[in-house]
Amino acid sequence: MKAAAVIGLGNIADRHRRNLKTLYPGIKVYAMSASGRKVQDVIDNCDQVVNALPELLNAVDMAIIASPATLHAEHAIPFIKAGVPVLIEKPVTVSVSDAEALLDAATRFNTVVAVGYCLRYLPSALSVKKLLEEKKAGTIYNAFVEIGQYLPDWRASKNYKDSVSASKALGGGALLELSHEFDYTRWLFGELDVLHASVRNCGVLDIDAEEIADILTVSKENVIINIHLDFLQRKAFRKCNILGMDGRIEWDLINNQVKIIYKSDECVVYNEPQFDKNKMYLNMLKDFENYMHGRDNECITLTDAIKTLALINKIKGTAE
């Protein structure tokens, strides 16, 4: 890998530039703001700042799109048409029409495109996936997926009201910003039908996007799955509990721990609370390189990511 572009200058873009430098010593990393504005500040782990996409299309081996989700298609499609492999941060887009435009371009120009749902690279996630595949808890009846974190605490250096997360127009709100939960739920249990949804803005944070969402879904295997998302919990909480005929799987995503509990005993299947979560992002980049070169990979395809977006849109259409 000789050169890469990262579009966007937010926290996740900073991480990607740093990781590119870590994985590929000597790589030239280009940066561009999401708006294309001229940047006066020094950008870490960046060799050159550009102000327009055409400057990059013939200069890089890959591009990472880390701009607001409303701009993903606008930023990704020129690279796709130029045959430059593209990794798009989640969610893939905000609208299905933009997502379909991405898919159409990727198909017509035969360009590698993947979406960055990095949680699938978390070791505890892989442990849960294996437990389900091996039916260690028996037939699964229910799952409870829950995430909550106080939005003002997400980025200490920035006023949360100025963030993408708080802005409906930029693709913020709990449903899209916390879409990892929809992605991994589909990954673990397959496609979901929405039975009921409640999406609320309680006015606590003074933002125009939803702060809380509660969704009841069912899988094709008749697993009932409750999903709760919120921007309000003062202490971060992220767990998934899975009820089976033979036992219960408890997955703590923050502490990177997985337990399976049976009638008379319980077993810690995976436990690494000090795991460096940046390794998820590094592994995702290495996996994307495999995808670029036609090697075996577990990348999240556009088609897969569009199904997550369609599920979110279905929830919005069902919500009270």
Protein backbone atom coordinates (compact mmCIF):
# COMPACT_ATOMS: atom_id res chain seq x y z
CA MET A 1 0.00 0.00 0.00
CA LYS A 2 1.70 3.19 -1.19
CA ALA A 3 -0.96 5.88 -0.81
CA ALA A 4 -4.39 6.28 0.77
CA ALA A 5 -6.97 9.04 1.16
CA VAL A 6 -9.11 9.66 4.23
CA ILE A 7 -12.11 11.93 3.67
CA GLY A 8 -13.24 13.74 6.81
CA LEU A 9 -11.33 15.20 9.75
CA GLY A 10 -13.28 13.88 12.73
CA ASN A 11 -12.22 11.40 15.42
CA ILE A 12 -12.74 8.30 13.32
CA ALA A 13 -10.77 9.84 10.44
CA ASP A 14 -7.92 10.58 12.87
CA ARG A 15 -7.94 6.94 13.92
CA HIS A 16 -7.85 5.68 10.32
CA ARG A 17 -4.93 7.93 9.36
CA ARG A 18 -2.98 6.78 12.42
CA ASN A 19 -3.72 3.13 11.70
CA LEU A 20 -2.71 3.44 8.05
CA LYS A 21 0.65 4.80 9.19
CA THR A 22 0.97 1.95 11.71
CA LEU A 23 0.16 -0.83 9.25
CA TYR A 24 1.97 0.52 6.21
CA PRO A 25 5.26 2.28 7.07
CA GLY A 26 6.12 4.73 4.32
CA ILE A 27 2.55 5.10 3.07
CA LYS A 28 1.53 8.56 1.87
CA VAL A 29 -1.71 9.58 3.56
CA TYR A 30 -3.87 12.32 2.08
CA ALA A 31 -6.61 14.09 4.02
CA MET A 32 -9.57 16.17 2.92
CA SER A 33 -12.24 17.83 5.01
CA ALA A 34 -15.79 16.62 4.44
CA SER A 35 -16.76 20.07 3.17
CA GLY A 36 -13.66 20.53 1.04
CA ARG A 37 -12.73 23.66 2.98
CA LYS A 38 -9.14 24.84 3.12
CA VAL A 39 -7.52 23.51 6.28
CA GLN A 40 -5.06 25.74 8.14
CA ASP A 41 -4.35 23.45 11.09
CA VAL A 42 -1.69 20.76 11.13
CA ILE A 43 -3.32 17.35 10.62
CA ASP A 44 -1.71 14.43 12.45
CA ASN A 45 -0.53 11.43 10.43
CA CYS A 46 -1.14 13.27 7.19
CA ASP A 47 1.36 13.93 4.40
CA GLN A 48 -0.80 16.21 2.29
CA VAL A 49 -4.14 17.99 2.66
CA VAL A 50 -6.20 18.48 -0.48
CA ASN A 51 -9.33 20.52 -1.09
CA ALA A 52 -11.02 18.57 -3.89
CA LEU A 53 -11.60 14.91 -4.74
CA PRO A 54 -10.20 15.07 -8.31
CA GLU A 55 -6.74 15.66 -6.82
CA LEU A 56 -6.92 12.21 -5.24
CA LEU A 57 -8.50 9.91 -7.81
CA ASN A 58 -5.26 8.98 -9.60
CA ALA A 59 -3.00 9.36 -6.57
CA VAL A 60 -4.15 6.67 -4.12
CA ASP A 61 -4.50 2.88 -3.80
CA MET A 62 -7.54 3.09 -1.51
CA ALA A 63 -9.89 5.61 0.08
CA ILE A 64 -11.62 5.70 3.44
CA ILE A 65 -14.84 7.71 3.60
CA ALA A 66 -15.23 9.08 7.14
CA SER A 67 -17.43 12.08 6.39
CA PRO A 68 -21.02 12.53 7.64
CA ALA A 69 -23.25 9.72 6.35
CA THR A 70 -25.27 12.17 4.25
CA LEU A 71 -22.12 12.78 2.16
CA HIS A 72 -20.91 9.18 1.82
CA ALA A 73 -22.28 8.60 -1.67
CA GLU A 74 -21.05 11.99 -2.91
CA HIS A 75 -17.53 11.25 -1.66
CA ALA A 76 -17.33 7.54 -2.49
CA ILE A 77 -18.75 7.39 -6.02
CA PRO A 78 -15.92 9.35 -7.73
CA PHE A 79 -13.38 6.91 -6.25
CA ILE A 80 -15.54 3.95 -7.27
CA LYS A 81 -15.77 5.23 -10.85
CA ALA A 82 -11.98 5.62 -10.87
CA GLY A 83 -11.56 2.01 -9.74
CA VAL A 84 -10.16 2.96 -6.31
CA PRO A 85 -11.18 0.51 -3.54
CA VAL A 86 -13.32 2.27 -0.92
CA LEU A 87 -13.97 1.56 2.76
CA ILE A 88 -17.01 3.52 3.95
CA GLU A 89 -17.59 4.24 7.63
CA LYS A 90 -20.94 3.10 9.05
CA PRO A 91 -23.76 3.69 8.38
CA VAL A 92 -23.31 3.21 4.64
CA THR A 93 -25.59 6.20 3.89
CA VAL A 94 -28.71 7.82 5.29
CA SER A 95 -31.01 7.17 2.33
CA VAL A 96 -31.71 3.97 0.43
CA SER A 97 -31.44 5.89 -2.86
CA ASP A 98 -27.86 6.94 -2.03
CA ALA A 99 -27.04 3.37 -1.01
CA GLU A 100 -28.45 2.02 -4.28
CA ALA A 101 -26.39 4.60 -6.21
CA LEU A 102 -23.28 3.28 -4.46
CA LEU A 103 -24.19 -0.30 -5.27
CA ASP A 104 -24.92 0.54 -8.89
CA ALA A 105 -21.55 2.30 -9.29
CA ALA A 106 -19.63 -0.51 -7.56
CA THR A 107 -21.28 -3.08 -9.84
CA ARG A 108 -20.81 -1.13 -13.06
CA PHE A 109 -17.17 -0.27 -12.39
CA ASN A 110 -16.33 -3.56 -10.63
CA THR A 111 -14.76 -1.73 -7.69
CA VAL A 112 -14.17 -3.17 -4.22
CA VAL A 113 -16.33 -1.41 -1.62
CA ALA A 114 -16.86 -2.37 2.04
CA VAL A 115 -18.51 -0.79 5.08
CA GLY A 116 -16.78 -0.33 8.43
CA TYR A 117 -18.83 -2.21 11.01
CA CYS A 118 -15.77 -2.92 13.13
CA LEU A 119 -17.57 -4.73 15.98
CA ARG A 120 -17.50 -7.93 13.95
CA TYR A 121 -13.73 -7.91 14.56
CA LEU A 122 -14.08 -7.77 18.35
CA PRO A 123 -12.84 -11.10 19.80
CA SER A 124 -15.83 -11.46 22.11
CA ALA A 125 -18.16 -10.99 19.12
CA LEU A 126 -16.43 -13.83 17.30
CA SER A 127 -16.78 -15.93 20.46
CA VAL A 128 -20.56 -15.34 20.59
CA LYS A 129 -20.87 -16.14 16.89
CA LYS A 130 -19.08 -19.46 17.43
CA LEU A 131 -21.23 -20.37 20.46
CA LEU A 132 -24.38 -19.85 18.38
CA GLU A 133 -23.03 -21.78 15.40
CA GLU A 134 -22.12 -24.69 17.69
CA LYS A 135 -25.52 -24.47 19.45
CA LYS A 136 -23.86 -24.38 22.87
CA ALA A 137 -26.99 -22.82 24.40
CA GLY A 138 -29.38 -25.05 22.46
CA THR A 139 -32.34 -23.66 20.56
CA ILE A 140 -32.42 -19.87 20.90
CA TYR A 141 -35.71 -18.24 21.90
CA ASN A 142 -34.89 -14.63 22.84
CA ALA A 143 -32.13 -12.05 22.68
CA PHE A 144 -31.81 -8.71 24.46
CA VAL A 145 -29.55 -6.18 22.75
CA GLU A 146 -28.85 -3.01 24.71
CA ILE A 147 -26.59 0.01 24.38
CA GLY A 148 -26.64 3.34 26.21
CA GLN A 149 -24.11 6.12 26.59
CA TYR A 150 -24.49 9.79 27.51
CA LEU A 151 -23.97 11.73 24.27
CA PRO A 152 -22.26 14.77 25.88
CA ASP A 153 -19.50 12.41 27.11
CA TRP A 154 -18.74 10.90 23.69
CA ARG A 155 -16.19 13.47 22.56
CA ALA A 156 -14.74 15.53 25.39
CA SER A 157 -13.09 18.06 23.05
CA LYS A 158 -16.27 18.97 21.17
CA ASN A 159 -19.68 20.34 22.08
CA TYR A 160 -22.05 17.44 21.46
CA LYS A 161 -24.66 19.75 19.95
CA ASP A 162 -22.23 20.51 17.12
CA SER A 163 -21.59 16.83 16.38
CA VAL A 164 -22.97 14.69 13.58
CA SER A 165 -24.52 12.45 16.24
CA ALA A 166 -26.87 15.22 17.37
CA SER A 167 -27.96 16.33 13.91
CA LYS A 168 -30.83 14.66 12.07
CA ALA A 169 -29.79 16.45 8.88
CA LEU A 170 -26.30 14.92 9.01
CA GLY A 171 -27.50 11.40 9.75
CA GLY A 172 -27.34 11.54 13.54
CA GLY A 173 -29.72 10.13 16.12
CA ALA A 174 -29.63 6.85 18.01
CA LEU A 175 -30.83 4.64 15.14
CA LEU A 176 -28.06 5.50 12.69
CA GLU A 177 -25.28 6.41 15.12
CA LEU A 178 -25.74 3.15 17.07
CA SER A 179 -26.36 1.01 14.00
CA HIS A 180 -23.58 -1.38 15.04
CA GLU A 181 -26.25 -3.09 17.14
CA PHE A 182 -28.45 -3.71 14.09
CA ASP A 183 -25.48 -4.96 12.08
CA TYR A 184 -24.29 -7.48 14.67
CA THR A 185 -27.83 -8.61 15.45
CA ARG A 186 -28.38 -9.43 11.76
CA TRP A 187 -24.95 -11.08 11.65
CA LEU A 188 -25.80 -13.31 14.61
CA PHE A 189 -29.47 -14.07 13.92
CA GLY A 190 -30.17 -13.34 10.27
CA GLU A 191 -32.71 -10.98 8.77
CA LEU A 192 -35.30 -9.42 11.07
CA ASP A 193 -38.93 -8.40 10.85
CA VAL A 194 -40.02 -5.41 12.94
CA LEU A 195 -42.95 -6.16 15.23
CA HIS A 196 -43.02 -2.88 17.17
CA ALA A 197 -40.90 0.23 17.53
CA SER A 198 -40.88 3.28 19.79
CA VAL A 199 -38.53 6.12 18.85
CA ARG A 200 -38.37 9.11 21.19
CA ASN A 201 -36.83 12.49 21.67
CA CYS A 202 -37.35 13.31 25.33
CA GLY A 203 -35.93 16.81 25.06
CA VAL A 204 -33.20 16.06 27.58
CA LEU A 205 -30.28 16.83 25.26
CA ASP A 206 -31.88 19.64 23.25
CA ILE A 207 -31.11 17.98 19.90
CA ASP A 208 -33.36 17.42 16.90
CA ALA A 209 -32.65 13.69 16.50
CA GLU A 210 -33.99 10.73 18.47
CA GLU A 211 -32.40 10.06 21.86
CA ILE A 212 -33.99 6.65 22.60
CA ALA A 213 -35.24 3.75 20.51
CA ASP A 214 -36.88 0.50 21.60
CA ILE A 215 -37.53 -2.11 18.95
CA LEU A 216 -39.12 -5.55 19.06
CA THR A 217 -38.08 -7.83 16.19
CA VAL A 218 -38.30 -11.48 15.15
CA SER A 219 -35.82 -13.52 13.12
CA LYS A 220 -36.63 -16.07 10.43
CA GLU A 221 -35.92 -18.74 13.08
CA ASN A 222 -38.56 -17.16 15.38
CA VAL A 223 -36.04 -15.69 17.80
CA ILE A 224 -37.65 -12.68 19.50
CA ILE A 225 -35.09 -9.89 19.81
CA ASN A 226 -35.51 -6.76 21.91
CA ILE A 227 -33.19 -3.89 20.91
CA HIS A 228 -32.70 -0.79 23.09
CA LEU A 229 -30.58 2.22 22.07
CA ASP A 230 -30.11 5.48 23.95
CA PHE A 231 -27.96 8.59 24.24
CA LEU A 232 -28.89 9.15 27.91
CA GLN A 233 -27.23 6.57 30.20
CA ARG A 234 -24.64 8.35 32.32
CA LYS A 235 -22.50 5.23 32.64
CA ALA A 236 -21.87 3.48 29.33
CA PHE A 237 -23.72 0.16 29.01
CA ARG A 238 -23.44 -2.32 26.14
CA LYS A 239 -24.60 -5.91 26.49
CA CYS A 240 -26.31 -8.70 24.63
CA ASN A 241 -28.05 -11.55 26.48
CA ILE A 242 -29.23 -14.61 24.58
CA LEU A 243 -31.71 -17.09 26.03
CA GLY A 244 -31.49 -20.68 24.81
CA MET A 245 -33.13 -23.95 25.77
CA ASP A 246 -29.94 -25.24 27.41
CA GLY A 247 -28.38 -22.06 28.72
CA ARG A 248 -27.99 -18.29 28.57
CA ILE A 249 -25.18 -16.46 26.79
CA GLU A 250 -24.14 -13.16 28.38
CA TRP A 251 -22.00 -10.86 26.24
CA ASP A 252 -20.51 -7.71 27.77
CA LEU A 253 -19.16 -5.66 24.87
CA ILE A 254 -17.50 -3.00 27.00
CA ASN A 255 -15.53 -5.50 29.08
CA ASN A 256 -15.04 -7.85 26.12
CA GLN A 257 -16.38 -10.81 28.09
CA VAL A 258 -18.60 -13.74 27.17
CA LYS A 259 -20.19 -16.18 29.66
CA ILE A 260 -22.53 -19.09 29.17
CA ILE A 261 -24.72 -19.99 32.12
CA TYR A 262 -26.26 -23.42 32.55
CA LYS A 263 -28.57 -24.80 35.24
CA SER A 264 -25.84 -25.76 37.69
CA ASP A 265 -22.75 -23.89 36.53
CA GLU A 266 -21.43 -21.10 34.39
CA CYS A 267 -18.41 -20.85 32.13
CA VAL A 268 -16.41 -17.79 31.13
CA VAL A 269 -15.82 -18.44 27.45
CA TYR A 270 -13.87 -15.28 26.69
CA ASN A 271 -12.54 -12.56 28.99
CA GLU A 272 -10.12 -9.81 27.98
CA PRO A 273 -11.26 -6.54 29.58
CA GLN A 274 -7.96 -4.79 28.77
CA PHE A 275 -8.23 -5.58 25.07
CA ASP A 276 -7.05 -2.68 22.93
CA LYS A 277 -10.15 -1.93 20.89
CA ASN A 278 -8.06 -0.20 18.24
CA LYS A 279 -7.09 -3.72 17.15
CA MET A 280 -10.62 -4.05 15.76
CA TYR A 281 -9.91 -1.19 13.38
CA LEU A 282 -6.46 -2.51 12.48
CA ASN A 283 -7.91 -5.95 11.74
CA MET A 284 -10.66 -4.34 9.67
CA LEU A 285 -8.07 -2.53 7.55
CA LYS A 286 -6.04 -5.71 7.08
CA ASP A 287 -9.22 -7.57 6.12
CA PHE A 288 -10.09 -4.84 3.63
CA GLU A 289 -6.64 -5.26 2.06
CA ASN A 290 -7.44 -8.97 1.69
CA TYR A 291 -10.70 -8.01 -0.04
CA MET A 292 -8.82 -5.62 -2.35
CA HIS A 293 -6.50 -8.42 -3.44
CA GLY A 294 -9.17 -11.10 -3.83
CA ARG A 295 -8.13 -13.04 -0.74
CA ASP A 296 -10.45 -14.62 1.84
CA ASN A 297 -12.05 -11.93 3.99
CA GLU A 298 -14.97 -11.13 6.29
CA CYS A 299 -15.63 -7.60 5.04
CA ILE A 300 -19.14 -6.18 5.26
CA THR A 301 -20.30 -5.77 1.68
CA LEU A 302 -22.46 -2.96 0.35
CA THR A 303 -25.34 -5.40 -0.08
CA ASP A 304 -25.07 -6.44 3.56
CA ALA A 305 -24.82 -2.88 4.87
CA ILE A 306 -27.81 -1.80 2.77
CA LYS A 307 -29.89 -4.45 4.54
CA THR A 308 -29.02 -2.81 7.86
CA LEU A 309 -30.05 0.58 6.48
CA ALA A 310 -33.31 -0.92 5.17
CA LEU A 311 -34.01 -2.34 8.64
CA ILE A 312 -33.49 1.09 10.19
CA ASN A 313 -35.84 2.65 7.66
CA LYS A 314 -38.42 -0.02 8.42
CA ILE A 315 -38.11 0.84 12.12
CA LYS A 316 -38.65 4.52 11.35
CA GLY A 317 -41.73 3.63 9.33
CA THR A 318 -43.11 1.44 12.12
CA ALA A 319 -42.24 3.70 15.04
CA GLU A 320 -44.86 5.36 17.18
